[in-house]
C-alpha atoms as a PDB file:
ATOM      1  CA  MET A   1     111.047 124.602  78.070  1.00  0.00           C
ATOM      2  CA  LYS A   2     111.612 128.282  78.104  1.00  0.00           C
ATOM      3  CA  MET A   3     112.360 130.193  81.262  1.00  0.00           C
ATOM      4  CA  TRP A   4     109.024 132.039  81.354  1.00  0.00           C
ATOM      5  CA  GLN A   5     107.137 128.729  81.105  1.00  0.00           C
ATOM      6  CA  LYS A   6     109.020 127.368  84.126  1.00  0.00           C
ATOM      7  CA  VAL A   7     108.241 130.528  86.084  1.00  0.00           C
ATOM      8  CA  ALA A   8     104.554 130.336  85.097  1.00  0.00           C
ATOM      9  CA  ILE A   9     104.320 126.685  86.196  1.00  0.00           C
ATOM     10  CA  GLY A  10     106.062 127.498  89.503  1.00  0.00           C
ATOM     11  CA  ALA A  11     103.706 130.428  90.134  1.00  0.00           C
ATOM     12  CA  ALA A  12     100.688 128.244  89.342  1.00  0.00           C
ATOM     13  CA  VAL A  13     101.896 125.613  91.804  1.00  0.00           C
ATOM     14  CA  VAL A  14     102.346 128.275  94.515  1.00  0.00           C
ATOM     15  CA  VAL A  15      98.863 129.709  93.874  1.00  0.00           C
ATOM     16  CA  VAL A  16      97.218 126.261  93.992  1.00  0.00           C
ATOM     17  CA  GLY A  17      99.137 125.386  97.187  1.00  0.00           C
ATOM     18  CA  ALA A  18      98.074 128.648  98.842  1.00  0.00           C
ATOM     19  CA  GLY A  19      94.461 127.959  97.816  1.00  0.00           C
ATOM     20  CA  ILE A  20      94.571 124.498  99.381  1.00  0.00           C
ATOM     21  CA  VAL A  21      96.020 125.899 102.620  1.00  0.00           C
ATOM     22  CA  LEU A  22      93.410 128.674 102.818  1.00  0.00           C
ATOM     23  CA  TYR A  23      90.587 126.203 102.153  1.00  0.00           C
ATOM     24  CA  SER A  24      91.793 123.782 104.830  1.00  0.00           C
ATOM     25  CA  VAL A  25      92.188 126.577 107.404  1.00  0.00           C
ATOM     26  CA  ASN A  26      88.698 127.836 106.579  1.00  0.00           C
ATOM     27  CA  GLN A  27      87.199 124.349 106.994  1.00  0.00           C
ATOM     28  CA  ALA A  28      89.073 123.798 110.276  1.00  0.00           C
ATOM     29  CA  ASN A  29      87.684 127.038 111.748  1.00  0.00           C
ATOM     30  CA  LYS A  30      84.156 126.529 110.450  1.00  0.00           C
ATOM     31  CA  GLY A  31      82.509 125.377 113.702  1.00  0.00           C
ATOM     32  CA  VAL A  32      84.619 127.481 116.092  1.00  0.00           C
ATOM     33  CA  THR A  33      82.817 130.134 118.099  1.00  0.00           C
ATOM     34  CA  THR A  34      84.561 133.487 118.040  1.00  0.00           C
ATOM     35  CA  VAL A  35      85.207 135.287 121.299  1.00  0.00           C
ATOM     36  CA  GLN A  36      84.222 138.935 121.509  1.00  0.00           C
ATOM     37  CA  THR A  37      86.434 141.302 123.454  1.00  0.00           C
ATOM     38  CA  ALA A  38      85.901 144.875 124.573  1.00  0.00           C
ATOM     39  CA  LYS A  39      87.851 147.529 126.426  1.00  0.00           C
ATOM     40  CA  VAL A  40      87.154 147.938 130.123  1.00  0.00           C
ATOM     41  CA  GLY A  41      86.123 151.415 131.171  1.00  0.00           C
ATOM     42  CA  LYS A  42      85.429 153.105 134.501  1.00  0.00           C
ATOM     43  CA  GLN A  43      81.867 153.826 135.535  1.00  0.00           C
ATOM     44  CA  ASP A  44      80.629 155.952 138.419  1.00  0.00           C
ATOM     45  CA  THR A  45      77.770 153.719 139.524  1.00  0.00           C
ATOM     46  CA  LEU A  46      77.363 150.037 140.075  1.00  0.00           C
ATOM     47  CA  VAL A  47      74.714 148.827 137.665  1.00  0.00           C
ATOM     48  CA  SER A  48      74.081 145.332 139.023  1.00  0.00           C
ATOM     49  CA  LEU A  49      75.275 143.143 141.834  1.00  0.00           C
ATOM     50  CA  VAL A  50      75.751 139.450 141.258  1.00  0.00           C
ATOM     51  CA  THR A  51      76.001 137.063 144.190  1.00  0.00           C
ATOM     52  CA  ALA A  52      76.386 133.329 144.219  1.00  0.00           C
ATOM     53  CA  SER A  53      76.703 130.608 146.818  1.00  0.00           C
ATOM     54  CA  GLY A  54      79.807 129.248 145.157  1.00  0.00           C
ATOM     55  CA  GLU A  55      78.181 125.945 144.321  1.00  0.00           C
ATOM     56  CA  ILE A  56      78.151 124.843 140.721  1.00  0.00           C
ATOM     57  CA  LYS A  57      75.167 122.741 139.731  1.00  0.00           C
ATOM     58  CA  PRO A  58      74.535 121.077 136.394  1.00  0.00           C
ATOM     59  CA  THR A  59      71.404 121.900 134.477  1.00  0.00           C
ATOM     60  CA  THR A  60      70.568 118.223 133.966  1.00  0.00           C
ATOM     61  CA  TYR A  61      71.273 115.332 136.268  1.00  0.00           C
ATOM     62  CA  THR A  62      72.008 111.829 135.070  1.00  0.00           C
ATOM     63  CA  LYS A  63      71.911 108.795 137.313  1.00  0.00           C
ATOM     64  CA  ARG A  64      74.709 106.363 136.682  1.00  0.00           C
ATOM     65  CA  ALA A  65      74.628 102.877 138.111  1.00  0.00           C
ATOM     66  CA  THR A  66      77.353 100.306 137.854  1.00  0.00           C
ATOM     67  CA  VAL A  67      76.145  97.083 136.358  1.00  0.00           C
ATOM     68  CA  CYS A  68      78.529  94.220 136.860  1.00  0.00           C
ATOM     69  CA  SER A  69      77.797  90.748 135.648  1.00  0.00           C
ATOM     70  CA  PHE A  70      80.369  88.017 136.017  1.00  0.00           C
ATOM     71  CA  ARG A  71      80.565  84.271 136.249  1.00  0.00           C
ATOM     72  CA  LYS A  72      82.190  82.597 139.199  1.00  0.00           C
ATOM     73  CA  THR A  73      84.826  80.120 138.190  1.00  0.00           C
ATOM     74  CA  SER A  74      86.336  77.281 140.138  1.00  0.00           C
ATOM     75  CA  ARG A  75      89.889  78.636 139.814  1.00  0.00           C
ATOM     76  CA  PRO A  76      91.269  80.066 143.039  1.00  0.00           C
ATOM     77  CA  THR A  77      92.537  83.618 143.236  1.00  0.00           C
ATOM     78  CA  PRO A  78      96.308  83.700 142.788  1.00  0.00           C
ATOM     79  CA  THR A  79      98.311  84.602 145.877  1.00  0.00           C
ATOM     80  CA  PHE A  80     101.644  86.244 145.664  1.00  0.00           C
ATOM     81  CA  ARG A  81     104.480  85.323 148.002  1.00  0.00           C
ATOM     82  CA  ARG A  82     106.538  88.452 147.868  1.00  0.00           C
ATOM     83  CA  ASN A  83     108.791  89.467 150.762  1.00  0.00           C
ATOM     84  CA  ARG A  84     107.976  86.344 152.788  1.00  0.00           C
ATOM     85  CA  LEU A  85     110.509  84.191 154.534  1.00  0.00           C
ATOM     86  CA  PRO A  86     110.437  80.509 153.490  1.00  0.00           C
END
């Protein structure tokens, strides 16, 4: 192989690798919501006043109940004799 062929193959490998990385980064960030930022500036008047009671309430409530079904067996509960004098 000539030198220019080796360089061309190496460049092709680098380009394909960069394409794979860019594609995977693009797919990973596909469903991410971007956050918008803005500079804070001074204003002379107060436009709106927001008050809250400090209590956070969910929009939907779900009732959760513990359902426990078990079968009683005839084996006694094990007792441990730790730190007891004989």
